[in-house]
Amino acid sequence: MIPTGRLWALLALLALPMAAAGFFPGLGGAVLAMDAVALALAALDLGLARRVRLTVERALPQRLNVGVPNKVELRFVLRSERPVVAHVKDDVPASFTAVPEDALLRLAPDSQTRWMYRVTPERRGRFGFGDVHVRVAGPLGLMLHERTYPSAQSISVYPDLRGASRLLLSGAALDLVNLGLRQLRRDGRGSEFARLRDYAQGDSVRDVDWKATARRGKPVTRVMEAERSQTLLICVDSGRAMAARVDGLTKLDHAVNAALFLAFVAVRNGDRVGLAVFADGVKTYLPPAAGRGQYRKIVDALYSVTPSLTYVDYLALFKELNVRLTRRSLLCVFTDFLDEEQSSTLVAPLHRLARRHVPLCLSVKDTALQKLLATPPPSAEEAFQHAVASELLADREVLKARVSQGGVQMLDVQPDELHLAAVNRYLDIKARGVL
């Protein structure tokens, strides 16, 4: 039972004749009668609001994706001969951001209404929605009847799998540019002839089939298929440096999203894909294998990975890989280079692995430090922060240069570019036959 602003305004208006009744005693009875009428109207309004027959149901997708807006729908069924105004608010998990947080809905008589809002989860894992709260206004607009609809539901928040889903729905193998992913390479020479297709802007002149072009009277491109059944091992750092947040997600979340998209493309390309999650030791290891079943295992392994507040033992990782990987492989290591003392232990063992394998290090740029240095410091304290940030980024560049030596490839990109950059470099390595 909640009074509305309209009722308070009415009571405030009745307070004026009540004050005048002190000077005119004859008004007292009339004022009390008006107050009684106002309260009776409020009680009637509340009773009518209670009698409104309204049911509410929440519709959730099978799973949510971390760091992106996900649709949630509330469905209202009204059994009433008059329209109803309802104020709606859903109980979302504390770590979710809901937009909008609530809504004022006007429900038509005997109608079914749907209201959609979006939630953005900040973490992966299992979470629970609570109840739906609705305040139904009476027809006079004087009272609100608040009711709670039990709607507890659990939902899993997975890494961002939208890129893989779009690729699967497209039915394409590696023609990813048609999905709007313009940064991915489209050309490149494989080892086997796959098919002919019409020439498209950006194709290399070397790939034009001149005999087919002459026969058809228009440019035709030869599509070469890269060698299949090669080995890719994805290594994901889950140490303390990966707990830092960049653009709303942890660096680990950015790495997991990119790793899953890379794994999906590699599985679709017929390669054998494996996974190693490491921090102060190897936490999870999946031997390289082919097929969609392997991709599902990788998704399940990365679904609940959280950053460990420990140092990273690169030597332990590479010792284990040196024993487990018997055939030449592409090693994609998602890690961070902000801690110079810790990351410097990566250089020597990685260079030794480069003698047998093709190592590729991938990291996310720290946009917060870049934004800090982009503006002049307004005070002495900010100047000190600028100096520290500048030193950290300078050390990072030195370490990247050291890592890039000895046959090790390096990618350090913006957070939203990591998944595209990883797949782009993977396709480039396959096209050049480095493996």
Protein backbone atom coordinates (compact mmCIF):
# COMPACT_ATOMS: atom_id res chain seq x y z
CA MET A 1 0.00 0.00 0.00
CA ILE A 2 1.80 3.12 -1.26
CA PRO A 3 0.22 6.59 -1.54
CA THR A 4 0.87 8.37 -4.83
CA GLY A 5 1.89 11.97 -5.33
CA ARG A 6 -1.69 12.74 -6.35
CA LEU A 7 -3.00 11.68 -2.92
CA TRP A 8 -0.38 13.75 -1.11
CA ALA A 9 -1.29 16.76 -3.26
CA LEU A 10 -4.97 16.28 -2.39
CA LEU A 11 -4.21 16.08 1.33
CA ALA A 12 -2.01 19.18 1.10
CA LEU A 13 -4.86 20.99 -0.64
CA LEU A 14 -7.26 20.00 2.18
CA ALA A 15 -4.80 21.34 4.72
CA LEU A 16 -5.60 24.90 3.60
CA PRO A 17 -9.26 24.87 4.72
CA MET A 18 -8.18 23.07 7.90
CA ALA A 19 -5.90 26.02 8.71
CA ALA A 20 -8.76 28.40 7.92
CA ALA A 21 -11.04 26.48 10.28
CA GLY A 22 -9.06 27.98 13.17
CA PHE A 23 -10.45 31.37 12.24
CA PHE A 24 -13.87 30.15 11.10
CA PRO A 25 -15.10 27.45 13.50
CA GLY A 26 -17.98 26.55 11.25
CA LEU A 27 -15.62 25.09 8.64
CA GLY A 28 -14.28 22.38 10.93
CA GLY A 29 -17.03 19.87 10.27
CA ALA A 30 -16.90 20.40 6.51
CA VAL A 31 -13.12 19.94 6.46
CA LEU A 32 -13.34 16.69 8.43
CA ALA A 33 -15.98 15.46 6.00
CA MET A 34 -13.74 16.24 3.02
CA ASP A 35 -10.84 14.44 4.71
CA ALA A 36 -13.04 11.43 5.27
CA VAL A 37 -14.10 11.46 1.62
CA ALA A 38 -10.46 11.66 0.50
CA LEU A 39 -9.50 8.71 2.70
CA ALA A 40 -12.53 6.76 1.49
CA LEU A 41 -11.53 7.41 -2.11
CA ALA A 42 -7.99 6.28 -1.34
CA ALA A 43 -9.30 3.09 0.26
CA LEU A 44 -11.57 2.45 -2.73
CA ASP A 45 -8.69 3.07 -5.12
CA LEU A 46 -6.49 0.61 -3.21
CA GLY A 47 -9.25 -2.00 -3.24
CA LEU A 48 -9.68 -1.70 -6.99
CA ALA A 49 -5.90 -1.94 -7.49
CA ARG A 50 -5.83 -5.13 -5.38
CA ARG A 51 -8.51 -6.71 -7.56
CA VAL A 52 -6.52 -6.33 -10.77
CA ARG A 53 -5.73 -9.78 -12.17
CA LEU A 54 -2.21 -9.60 -13.54
CA THR A 55 0.32 -12.37 -14.14
CA VAL A 56 4.01 -11.85 -14.93
CA GLU A 57 6.53 -14.24 -16.46
CA ARG A 58 10.23 -13.73 -17.19
CA ALA A 59 11.81 -15.18 -20.35
CA LEU A 60 15.59 -15.67 -20.31
CA PRO A 61 17.86 -16.93 -23.09
CA GLN A 62 19.57 -20.27 -22.56
CA ARG A 63 22.72 -18.47 -21.46
CA LEU A 64 24.14 -14.98 -21.28
CA ASN A 65 27.40 -13.60 -22.68
CA VAL A 66 29.78 -11.70 -20.43
CA GLY A 67 30.48 -8.04 -21.15
CA VAL A 68 27.71 -7.55 -23.73
CA PRO A 69 24.05 -6.50 -23.47
CA ASN A 70 21.74 -9.54 -23.31
CA LYS A 71 17.98 -9.38 -23.84
CA VAL A 72 15.61 -10.24 -20.98
CA GLU A 73 11.86 -10.18 -21.51
CA LEU A 74 8.97 -9.80 -19.06
CA ARG A 75 5.54 -10.93 -20.23
CA PHE A 76 2.39 -9.48 -18.68
CA VAL A 77 -1.12 -10.94 -19.01
CA LEU A 78 -3.87 -8.57 -17.80
CA ARG A 79 -7.42 -9.79 -17.18
CA SER A 80 -9.25 -6.54 -16.55
CA GLU A 81 -11.96 -4.48 -18.22
CA ARG A 82 -10.04 -1.25 -17.71
CA PRO A 83 -6.50 -0.17 -18.58
CA VAL A 84 -3.90 -0.40 -15.84
CA VAL A 85 -0.75 1.59 -15.15
CA ALA A 86 2.05 -0.54 -13.62
CA HIS A 87 5.54 0.32 -12.43
CA VAL A 88 7.84 -2.69 -12.99
CA LYS A 89 11.25 -3.57 -11.58
CA ASP A 90 13.10 -6.87 -11.88
CA ASP A 91 15.58 -8.35 -9.38
CA VAL A 92 18.79 -8.83 -11.38
CA PRO A 93 22.07 -10.20 -9.95
CA ALA A 94 24.15 -7.58 -8.14
CA SER A 95 27.01 -7.78 -10.65
CA PHE A 96 24.70 -7.16 -13.63
CA THR A 97 23.96 -3.77 -15.15
CA ALA A 98 20.32 -3.44 -16.27
CA VAL A 99 19.18 -0.89 -18.85
CA PRO A 100 16.60 0.40 -18.15
CA GLU A 101 16.38 -0.52 -14.48
CA ASP A 102 12.58 -0.16 -14.34
CA ALA A 103 9.64 0.89 -16.48
CA LEU A 104 6.21 2.51 -16.27
CA LEU A 105 3.85 0.46 -18.44
CA ARG A 106 0.31 1.20 -19.61
CA LEU A 107 -1.45 -2.13 -20.04
CA ALA A 108 -4.53 -2.26 -22.26
CA PRO A 109 -7.67 -4.10 -21.05
CA ASP A 110 -7.53 -7.91 -21.45
CA SER A 111 -4.15 -7.76 -23.14
CA GLN A 112 -0.76 -9.44 -23.31
CA THR A 113 2.21 -7.07 -23.11
CA ARG A 114 5.93 -7.68 -23.44
CA TRP A 115 8.63 -5.46 -21.99
CA MET A 116 12.26 -6.03 -22.85
CA TYR A 117 15.36 -4.73 -21.13
CA ARG A 118 19.06 -5.63 -21.36
CA VAL A 119 21.53 -6.87 -18.77
CA THR A 120 25.31 -6.74 -19.05
CA PRO A 121 27.10 -9.28 -16.81
CA GLU A 122 30.55 -8.33 -15.53
CA ARG A 123 31.67 -11.88 -14.68
CA ARG A 124 31.33 -15.42 -15.94
CA GLY A 125 29.69 -18.11 -13.84
CA ARG A 126 26.29 -19.08 -12.44
CA PHE A 127 23.96 -16.33 -11.22
CA GLY A 128 20.39 -16.04 -9.99
CA PHE A 129 17.58 -13.66 -10.87
CA GLY A 130 15.13 -12.83 -8.07
CA ASP A 131 11.48 -11.84 -8.06
CA VAL A 132 9.61 -9.35 -10.23
CA HIS A 133 8.14 -6.38 -8.37
CA VAL A 134 5.10 -4.57 -9.75
CA ARG A 135 3.23 -1.54 -8.38
CA VAL A 136 -0.30 -1.42 -9.79
CA ALA A 137 -2.01 1.99 -9.73
CA GLY A 138 -5.68 2.32 -8.85
CA PRO A 139 -8.06 3.90 -11.39
CA LEU A 140 -8.12 7.18 -9.41
CA GLY A 141 -4.34 7.34 -9.25
CA LEU A 142 -4.36 7.81 -5.46
CA MET A 143 -2.85 4.49 -4.30
CA LEU A 144 -0.41 1.88 -5.52
CA HIS A 145 -0.73 -1.79 -4.68
CA GLU A 146 2.73 -3.37 -4.56
CA ARG A 147 2.93 -7.06 -5.36
CA THR A 148 5.82 -9.50 -5.78
CA TYR A 149 5.82 -12.30 -8.32
CA PRO A 150 8.10 -15.21 -7.31
CA SER A 151 10.39 -15.63 -10.34
CA ALA A 152 13.70 -17.02 -9.07
CA GLN A 153 15.77 -18.33 -11.98
CA SER A 154 19.38 -19.40 -12.41
CA ILE A 155 21.35 -18.52 -15.53
CA SER A 156 24.87 -19.25 -16.75
CA VAL A 157 27.08 -16.44 -17.99
CA TYR A 158 29.47 -17.71 -20.64
CA PRO A 159 32.32 -16.04 -22.50
CA ASP A 160 31.30 -13.96 -25.50
CA LEU A 161 30.51 -16.61 -28.14
CA ARG A 162 28.70 -14.31 -30.58
CA GLY A 163 31.48 -14.43 -33.17
CA ALA A 164 31.48 -18.23 -33.23
CA SER A 165 27.68 -18.32 -33.36
CA ARG A 166 27.55 -15.96 -36.35
CA LEU A 167 30.14 -18.05 -38.16
CA LEU A 168 28.20 -21.25 -37.47
CA LEU A 169 24.90 -19.77 -38.66
CA SER A 170 26.51 -18.44 -41.82
CA GLY A 171 27.49 -21.91 -42.98
CA ALA A 172 30.86 -20.48 -44.03
CA ALA A 173 34.22 -22.02 -43.33
CA LEU A 174 36.76 -19.25 -43.55
CA ASP A 175 35.02 -16.61 -45.67
CA LEU A 176 34.63 -14.50 -42.54
CA VAL A 177 34.71 -11.17 -44.33
CA ASN A 178 31.09 -11.70 -45.37
CA LEU A 179 30.13 -11.58 -41.69
CA GLY A 180 31.33 -8.00 -41.41
CA LEU A 181 34.69 -8.89 -39.86
CA ARG A 182 36.62 -6.67 -42.25
CA GLN A 183 39.89 -6.91 -40.37
CA LEU A 184 40.32 -10.61 -41.13
CA ARG A 185 42.53 -11.55 -44.03
CA ARG A 186 40.77 -12.93 -47.03
CA ASP A 187 43.68 -13.72 -49.28
CA GLY A 188 46.67 -15.99 -48.74
CA ARG A 189 47.95 -19.01 -50.61
CA GLY A 190 47.27 -22.46 -49.23
CA SER A 191 48.58 -25.78 -50.42
CA GLU A 192 45.53 -27.25 -52.22
CA PHE A 193 43.04 -25.95 -54.77
CA ALA A 194 39.56 -25.57 -53.19
CA ARG A 195 37.21 -23.83 -55.67
CA LEU A 196 36.66 -20.95 -58.07
CA ARG A 197 34.59 -17.88 -57.23
CA ASP A 198 33.91 -14.43 -58.65
CA TYR A 199 36.65 -11.88 -58.12
CA ALA A 200 36.04 -9.60 -55.12
CA GLN A 201 37.70 -6.35 -54.19
CA GLY A 202 40.84 -7.04 -52.17
CA ASP A 203 41.73 -10.34 -53.88
CA SER A 204 45.34 -10.71 -54.92
CA VAL A 205 46.09 -10.55 -58.64
CA ARG A 206 48.20 -13.69 -58.19
CA ASP A 207 45.02 -15.62 -57.27
CA VAL A 208 43.16 -14.74 -60.49
CA ASP A 209 42.55 -17.79 -62.70
CA TRP A 210 43.08 -16.28 -66.17
CA LYS A 211 41.78 -19.30 -68.12
CA ALA A 212 38.51 -19.34 -66.17
CA THR A 213 38.34 -15.54 -66.52
CA ALA A 214 38.62 -15.85 -70.31
CA ARG A 215 35.93 -18.54 -70.47
CA ARG A 216 33.43 -16.68 -68.27
CA GLY A 217 34.18 -13.18 -69.53
CA LYS A 218 34.63 -11.80 -66.00
CA PRO A 219 37.39 -12.01 -63.36
CA VAL A 220 37.51 -15.29 -61.45
CA THR A 221 39.58 -16.00 -58.34
CA ARG A 222 41.21 -19.29 -57.41
CA VAL A 223 40.61 -20.19 -53.72
CA MET A 224 43.36 -22.28 -52.20
CA GLU A 225 42.73 -24.40 -49.13
CA ALA A 226 45.29 -24.31 -46.35
CA GLU A 227 46.69 -27.56 -45.00
CA ARG A 228 44.42 -29.23 -42.47
CA SER A 229 45.07 -31.30 -39.34
CA GLN A 230 47.74 -28.98 -38.01
CA THR A 231 48.11 -28.48 -34.25
CA LEU A 232 47.17 -25.36 -32.31
CA LEU A 233 47.61 -25.08 -28.55
CA ILE A 234 45.93 -22.13 -26.84
CA CYS A 235 47.58 -21.10 -23.55
CA VAL A 236 45.62 -18.72 -21.30
CA ASP A 237 47.30 -16.89 -18.42
CA SER A 238 45.02 -16.75 -15.34
CA GLY A 239 47.51 -15.03 -13.02
CA ARG A 240 47.05 -11.85 -11.01
CA ALA A 241 47.91 -9.45 -13.84
CA MET A 242 44.93 -10.78 -15.83
CA ALA A 243 42.54 -9.60 -13.11
CA ALA A 244 42.99 -5.96 -14.20
CA ARG A 245 39.91 -4.45 -15.81
CA VAL A 246 40.08 -2.93 -19.28
CA ASP A 247 36.98 -1.50 -20.98
CA GLY A 248 34.59 -3.08 -18.50
CA LEU A 249 36.05 -6.62 -18.54
CA THR A 250 39.07 -8.26 -16.97
CA LYS A 251 42.02 -8.96 -19.24
CA LEU A 252 41.28 -12.64 -18.62
CA ASP A 253 37.75 -12.21 -20.03
CA HIS A 254 39.15 -10.56 -23.16
CA ALA A 255 41.63 -13.41 -23.52
CA VAL A 256 38.96 -16.09 -23.00
CA ASN A 257 36.64 -14.51 -25.59
CA ALA A 258 39.45 -14.34 -28.15
CA ALA A 259 40.67 -17.85 -27.33
CA LEU A 260 37.23 -19.35 -27.91
CA PHE A 261 36.76 -17.57 -31.22
CA LEU A 262 40.22 -18.71 -32.33
CA ALA A 263 39.47 -22.28 -31.24
CA PHE A 264 36.18 -22.28 -33.15
CA VAL A 265 37.77 -21.09 -36.39
CA ALA A 266 40.61 -23.60 -36.04
CA VAL A 267 38.20 -26.50 -35.40
CA ARG A 268 36.11 -25.44 -38.41
CA ASN A 269 39.31 -25.42 -40.44
CA GLY A 270 40.03 -29.05 -39.53
CA ASP A 271 42.95 -28.40 -37.17
CA ARG A 272 43.67 -30.12 -33.88
CA VAL A 273 43.18 -27.67 -31.00
CA GLY A 274 44.27 -27.97 -27.38
CA LEU A 275 44.12 -25.78 -24.27
CA ALA A 276 46.36 -24.98 -21.31
CA VAL A 277 45.25 -22.66 -18.48
CA PHE A 278 48.15 -21.66 -16.27
CA ALA A 279 49.20 -19.41 -13.40
CA ASP A 280 51.71 -20.64 -10.79
CA GLY A 281 51.38 -23.98 -12.57
CA VAL A 282 49.25 -25.63 -15.25
CA LYS A 283 45.67 -25.59 -13.93
CA THR A 284 43.91 -27.20 -16.89
CA TYR A 285 45.26 -29.10 -19.87
CA LEU A 286 43.32 -30.49 -22.84
CA PRO A 287 45.45 -32.42 -25.35
CA PRO A 288 45.00 -31.19 -28.95
CA ALA A 289 42.16 -32.90 -30.77
CA ALA A 290 39.85 -32.20 -33.72
CA GLY A 291 36.08 -31.91 -33.98
CA ARG A 292 33.21 -29.98 -32.44
CA GLY A 293 33.35 -32.14 -29.34
CA GLN A 294 36.79 -30.71 -28.61
CA TYR A 295 35.46 -27.17 -28.96
CA ARG A 296 32.71 -27.92 -26.42
CA LYS A 297 35.35 -29.23 -24.02
CA ILE A 298 37.33 -25.99 -24.42
CA VAL A 299 34.17 -23.92 -23.75
CA ASP A 300 33.45 -25.92 -20.60
CA ALA A 301 37.06 -25.59 -19.43
CA LEU A 302 37.09 -21.79 -19.87
CA TYR A 303 33.54 -21.17 -18.64
CA SER A 304 34.44 -20.75 -14.96
CA VAL A 305 38.12 -19.76 -15.10
CA THR A 306 38.86 -16.86 -12.74
CA PRO A 307 42.10 -14.94 -12.15
CA SER A 308 44.36 -16.40 -9.46
CA LEU A 309 46.04 -13.82 -7.24
CA THR A 310 49.40 -15.55 -7.67
CA TYR A 311 52.53 -15.09 -9.72
CA VAL A 312 52.85 -16.76 -13.12
CA ASP A 313 55.34 -19.59 -13.56
CA TYR A 314 56.10 -19.56 -17.28
CA LEU A 315 58.93 -22.03 -16.81
CA ALA A 316 56.56 -24.67 -15.38
CA LEU A 317 54.21 -24.17 -18.34
CA PHE A 318 56.88 -24.52 -21.00
CA LYS A 319 58.49 -27.52 -19.29
CA GLU A 320 55.16 -29.32 -19.44
CA LEU A 321 54.54 -28.31 -23.06
CA ASN A 322 58.01 -29.47 -24.01
CA VAL A 323 57.09 -32.95 -22.79
CA ARG A 324 53.48 -33.12 -23.99
CA LEU A 325 53.79 -31.61 -27.49
CA THR A 326 55.59 -34.08 -29.72
CA ARG A 327 54.66 -32.56 -33.09
CA ARG A 328 55.31 -29.04 -34.35
CA SER A 329 52.52 -26.74 -33.15
CA LEU A 330 51.34 -23.15 -33.11
CA LEU A 331 51.42 -21.95 -29.49
CA CYS A 332 49.10 -19.00 -28.86
CA VAL A 333 49.93 -17.61 -25.42
CA PHE A 334 47.44 -15.05 -24.05
CA THR A 335 49.23 -13.18 -21.27
CA ASP A 336 50.12 -9.71 -19.96
CA PHE A 337 53.41 -7.77 -19.92
CA LEU A 338 52.72 -5.12 -17.31
CA ASP A 339 54.74 -6.83 -14.57
CA GLU A 340 58.29 -6.63 -15.96
CA GLU A 341 59.93 -8.75 -13.27
CA GLN A 342 57.46 -11.59 -13.72
CA SER A 343 57.14 -11.35 -17.50
CA SER A 344 60.91 -11.36 -18.02
CA THR A 345 60.92 -15.05 -17.04
CA LEU A 346 58.89 -15.69 -20.20
CA VAL A 347 61.64 -14.75 -22.66
CA ALA A 348 64.26 -17.51 -22.39
CA PRO A 349 61.96 -20.59 -22.27
CA LEU A 350 59.80 -19.16 -25.06
CA HIS A 351 62.84 -18.73 -27.30
CA ARG A 352 63.83 -22.34 -26.62
CA LEU A 353 60.35 -23.54 -27.60
CA ALA A 354 60.62 -21.54 -30.84
CA ARG A 355 63.21 -24.04 -32.07
CA ARG A 356 60.50 -26.74 -32.33
CA HIS A 357 57.23 -24.79 -32.46
CA VAL A 358 55.74 -21.49 -33.64
CA PRO A 359 55.08 -19.32 -30.55
CA LEU A 360 52.68 -16.39 -30.75
CA CYS A 361 52.24 -14.08 -27.73
CA LEU A 362 49.03 -12.06 -27.49
CA SER A 363 48.28 -9.31 -24.99
CA VAL A 364 45.75 -6.55 -24.39
CA LYS A 365 46.89 -2.95 -24.25
CA ASP A 366 46.15 -1.10 -21.04
CA THR A 367 43.79 1.61 -22.29
CA ALA A 368 43.58 3.25 -18.86
CA LEU A 369 47.31 4.05 -18.92
CA GLN A 370 47.04 5.29 -22.51
CA LYS A 371 44.14 7.60 -21.62
CA LEU A 372 46.05 8.90 -18.59
CA LEU A 373 49.05 9.85 -20.72
CA ALA A 374 46.84 11.41 -23.42
CA THR A 375 45.92 14.35 -21.16
CA PRO A 376 48.37 16.78 -19.50
CA PRO A 377 48.58 16.42 -15.69
CA PRO A 378 46.61 19.19 -13.93
CA SER A 379 48.45 18.84 -10.59
CA ALA A 380 51.64 17.52 -9.01
CA GLU A 381 49.93 14.31 -7.92
CA GLU A 382 48.70 13.59 -11.45
CA ALA A 383 52.19 14.39 -12.76
CA PHE A 384 53.58 11.64 -10.53
CA GLN A 385 50.95 9.23 -11.88
CA HIS A 386 51.92 10.22 -15.42
CA ALA A 387 55.56 9.47 -14.68
CA VAL A 388 54.74 6.03 -13.25
CA ALA A 389 52.44 5.19 -16.19
CA SER A 390 55.06 6.33 -18.69
CA GLU A 391 57.69 4.15 -17.03
CA LEU A 392 55.39 1.12 -16.99
CA LEU A 393 54.60 1.46 -20.69
CA ALA A 394 58.27 2.00 -21.55
CA ASP A 395 59.21 -1.18 -19.68
CA ARG A 396 56.42 -2.98 -21.49
CA GLU A 397 57.80 -1.92 -24.88
CA VAL A 398 61.29 -3.12 -23.92
CA LEU A 399 59.92 -6.49 -22.85
CA LYS A 400 57.88 -6.83 -26.04
CA ALA A 401 61.00 -6.20 -28.09
CA ARG A 402 62.86 -8.92 -26.17
CA VAL A 403 59.99 -11.39 -26.61
CA SER A 404 59.77 -10.70 -30.35
CA GLN A 405 63.31 -11.91 -30.93
CA GLY A 406 64.29 -15.50 -31.64
CA GLY A 407 61.39 -16.45 -33.91
CA VAL A 408 58.61 -15.47 -31.49
CA GLN A 409 55.66 -13.53 -32.95
CA MET A 410 54.00 -10.81 -30.91
CA LEU A 411 50.58 -9.10 -30.90
CA ASP A 412 49.68 -6.27 -28.53
CA VAL A 413 46.30 -4.81 -29.50
CA GLN A 414 43.27 -2.94 -28.21
CA PRO A 415 40.79 -5.07 -26.20
CA ASP A 416 38.06 -5.03 -28.85
CA GLU A 417 40.55 -6.08 -31.55
CA LEU A 418 42.07 -9.09 -29.79
CA HIS A 419 39.79 -11.81 -31.21
CA LEU A 420 40.12 -10.50 -34.78
CA ALA A 421 43.88 -10.05 -34.48
CA ALA A 422 44.33 -13.58 -33.11
CA VAL A 423 42.36 -15.23 -35.92
CA ASN A 424 43.96 -12.98 -38.53
CA ARG A 425 47.47 -14.01 -37.47
CA TYR A 426 46.47 -17.68 -37.25
CA LEU A 427 45.14 -17.59 -40.83
CA ASP A 428 48.27 -15.77 -41.99
CA ILE A 429 50.56 -18.40 -40.42
CA LYS A 430 48.59 -21.19 -42.09
CA ALA A 431 48.55 -19.42 -45.45
CA ARG A 432 52.33 -18.95 -45.38
CA GLY A 433 52.91 -22.61 -44.50
CA VAL A 434 55.00 -21.79 -41.44
CA LEU A 435 53.73 -24.87 -39.61
